[in-house]
């Protein structure tokens, strides 16, 4: 999860549960309600976005969402921030 220069891994420990930050391009990094790192970033190899949570996957809530839609990516980020 850590190739984003504007949002270094060192930012993650400073985030409180439920808090998120975004960079100039709209990519987001947050600390979920349960203290897990959640990140929304632009894909490099193909158009679109990926949202990931640093957590054990659960059948009802995926830890990764890949989409070409900005609104879907933001909704997934918000959902993972609450669920994990």
C-alpha atoms as a PDB file:
ATOM      1  CA  UNK A   1       0.000   0.000   0.000  1.00  0.00           C
ATOM      2  CA  UNK A   2       2.851   2.403   0.081  1.00  0.00           C
ATOM      3  CA  UNK A   3       3.892   3.918  -3.224  1.00  0.00           C
ATOM      4  CA  UNK A   4       2.127   7.226  -2.704  1.00  0.00           C
ATOM      5  CA  UNK A   5       4.737   9.966  -2.276  1.00  0.00           C
ATOM      6  CA  UNK A   6       2.254  12.584  -1.041  1.00  0.00           C
ATOM      7  CA  UNK A   7       0.848  10.290   1.632  1.00  0.00           C
ATOM      8  CA  UNK A   8       3.817   8.545   3.183  1.00  0.00           C
ATOM      9  CA  UNK A   9       3.394   5.466   5.366  1.00  0.00           C
ATOM     10  CA  UNK A  10       4.630   7.550   8.278  1.00  0.00           C
ATOM     11  CA  UNK A  11       1.344   9.515   8.161  1.00  0.00           C
ATOM     12  CA  UNK A  12      -0.688   6.460   9.113  1.00  0.00           C
ATOM     13  CA  UNK A  13       0.303   6.287  12.810  1.00  0.00           C
ATOM     14  CA  UNK A  14      -0.655   9.949  13.283  1.00  0.00           C
ATOM     15  CA  UNK A  15      -4.242   9.318  12.179  1.00  0.00           C
ATOM     16  CA  UNK A  16      -6.859   8.677  14.844  1.00  0.00           C
ATOM     17  CA  UNK A  17      -9.592   6.039  14.311  1.00  0.00           C
ATOM     18  CA  UNK A  18     -12.175   7.475  11.937  1.00  0.00           C
ATOM     19  CA  UNK A  19      -9.811  10.161  10.613  1.00  0.00           C
ATOM     20  CA  UNK A  20      -8.734  10.445   6.972  1.00  0.00           C
ATOM     21  CA  UNK A  21      -6.615  12.743   4.845  1.00  0.00           C
ATOM     22  CA  UNK A  22      -6.517  13.371   1.129  1.00  0.00           C
ATOM     23  CA  UNK A  23      -3.796  14.693  -1.149  1.00  0.00           C
ATOM     24  CA  UNK A  24      -4.049  17.189  -4.008  1.00  0.00           C
ATOM     25  CA  UNK A  25      -5.191  14.545  -6.496  1.00  0.00           C
ATOM     26  CA  UNK A  26      -7.999  13.325  -4.228  1.00  0.00           C
ATOM     27  CA  UNK A  27      -6.339  10.094  -3.122  1.00  0.00           C
ATOM     28  CA  UNK A  28      -7.262   9.293   0.463  1.00  0.00           C
ATOM     29  CA  UNK A  29      -5.635   7.549   3.429  1.00  0.00           C
ATOM     30  CA  UNK A  30      -7.442   6.894   6.676  1.00  0.00           C
ATOM     31  CA  UNK A  31      -7.512   5.009   9.934  1.00  0.00           C
ATOM     32  CA  UNK A  32     -10.689   2.930  10.177  1.00  0.00           C
ATOM     33  CA  UNK A  33     -12.952   2.804  13.214  1.00  0.00           C
ATOM     34  CA  UNK A  34     -11.069  -0.345  14.249  1.00  0.00           C
ATOM     35  CA  UNK A  35      -7.622   1.188  13.739  1.00  0.00           C
ATOM     36  CA  UNK A  36      -6.841  -0.313  10.309  1.00  0.00           C
ATOM     37  CA  UNK A  37      -5.163   1.578   7.468  1.00  0.00           C
ATOM     38  CA  UNK A  38      -7.517   2.262   4.523  1.00  0.00           C
ATOM     39  CA  UNK A  39      -6.296   3.806   1.273  1.00  0.00           C
ATOM     40  CA  UNK A  40      -7.922   5.007  -1.948  1.00  0.00           C
ATOM     41  CA  UNK A  41      -5.447   5.579  -4.772  1.00  0.00           C
ATOM     42  CA  UNK A  42      -5.392   5.951  -8.530  1.00  0.00           C
ATOM     43  CA  UNK A  43      -4.309   2.901 -10.487  1.00  0.00           C
ATOM     44  CA  UNK A  44      -1.019   3.192 -12.336  1.00  0.00           C
ATOM     45  CA  UNK A  45      -1.148   0.438 -14.952  1.00  0.00           C
ATOM     46  CA  UNK A  46      -4.773   0.972 -15.975  1.00  0.00           C
ATOM     47  CA  UNK A  47      -7.393   3.705 -15.594  1.00  0.00           C
ATOM     48  CA  UNK A  48      -9.357   3.588 -12.371  1.00  0.00           C
ATOM     49  CA  UNK A  49      -9.009   3.425  -8.630  1.00  0.00           C
ATOM     50  CA  UNK A  50      -8.207   0.876  -5.965  1.00  0.00           C
ATOM     51  CA  UNK A  51      -9.368   0.961  -2.360  1.00  0.00           C
ATOM     52  CA  UNK A  52      -7.640  -1.325   0.144  1.00  0.00           C
ATOM     53  CA  UNK A  53      -7.861  -2.000   3.857  1.00  0.00           C
ATOM     54  CA  UNK A  54      -4.967  -3.429   5.854  1.00  0.00           C
ATOM     55  CA  UNK A  55      -7.125  -6.065   7.538  1.00  0.00           C
ATOM     56  CA  UNK A  56      -8.042  -9.737   7.437  1.00  0.00           C
ATOM     57  CA  UNK A  57     -10.738 -10.169   4.770  1.00  0.00           C
ATOM     58  CA  UNK A  58     -14.233 -11.129   5.864  1.00  0.00           C
ATOM     59  CA  UNK A  59     -16.753 -12.815   3.536  1.00  0.00           C
ATOM     60  CA  UNK A  60     -19.266  -9.988   3.831  1.00  0.00           C
ATOM     61  CA  UNK A  61     -16.762  -7.115   3.451  1.00  0.00           C
ATOM     62  CA  UNK A  62     -13.923  -7.242   0.894  1.00  0.00           C
ATOM     63  CA  UNK A  63     -10.574  -5.654   1.759  1.00  0.00           C
ATOM     64  CA  UNK A  64      -9.970  -4.513  -1.831  1.00  0.00           C
ATOM     65  CA  UNK A  65     -12.186  -2.781  -4.381  1.00  0.00           C
ATOM     66  CA  UNK A  66     -11.036  -1.979  -7.922  1.00  0.00           C
ATOM     67  CA  UNK A  67     -13.227   0.316 -10.002  1.00  0.00           C
ATOM     68  CA  UNK A  68     -13.142   2.868 -12.800  1.00  0.00           C
ATOM     69  CA  UNK A  69     -15.764   5.052 -11.079  1.00  0.00           C
ATOM     70  CA  UNK A  70     -14.684   7.796  -8.676  1.00  0.00           C
ATOM     71  CA  UNK A  71     -18.000   7.730  -6.779  1.00  0.00           C
ATOM     72  CA  UNK A  72     -17.763   3.945  -6.282  1.00  0.00           C
ATOM     73  CA  UNK A  73     -14.196   4.288  -4.984  1.00  0.00           C
ATOM     74  CA  UNK A  74     -15.200   6.972  -2.481  1.00  0.00           C
ATOM     75  CA  UNK A  75     -18.195   4.946  -1.290  1.00  0.00           C
ATOM     76  CA  UNK A  76     -15.959   1.885  -0.843  1.00  0.00           C
ATOM     77  CA  UNK A  77     -13.435   3.950   1.132  1.00  0.00           C
ATOM     78  CA  UNK A  78     -16.181   5.241   3.445  1.00  0.00           C
ATOM     79  CA  UNK A  79     -17.600   1.713   3.891  1.00  0.00           C
ATOM     80  CA  UNK A  80     -14.198   0.195   4.741  1.00  0.00           C
ATOM     81  CA  UNK A  81     -13.518   3.043   7.190  1.00  0.00           C
ATOM     82  CA  UNK A  82     -16.688   2.001   9.079  1.00  0.00           C
ATOM     83  CA  UNK A  83     -16.543  -1.788   8.670  1.00  0.00           C
ATOM     84  CA  UNK A  84     -12.907  -2.360   9.644  1.00  0.00           C
END
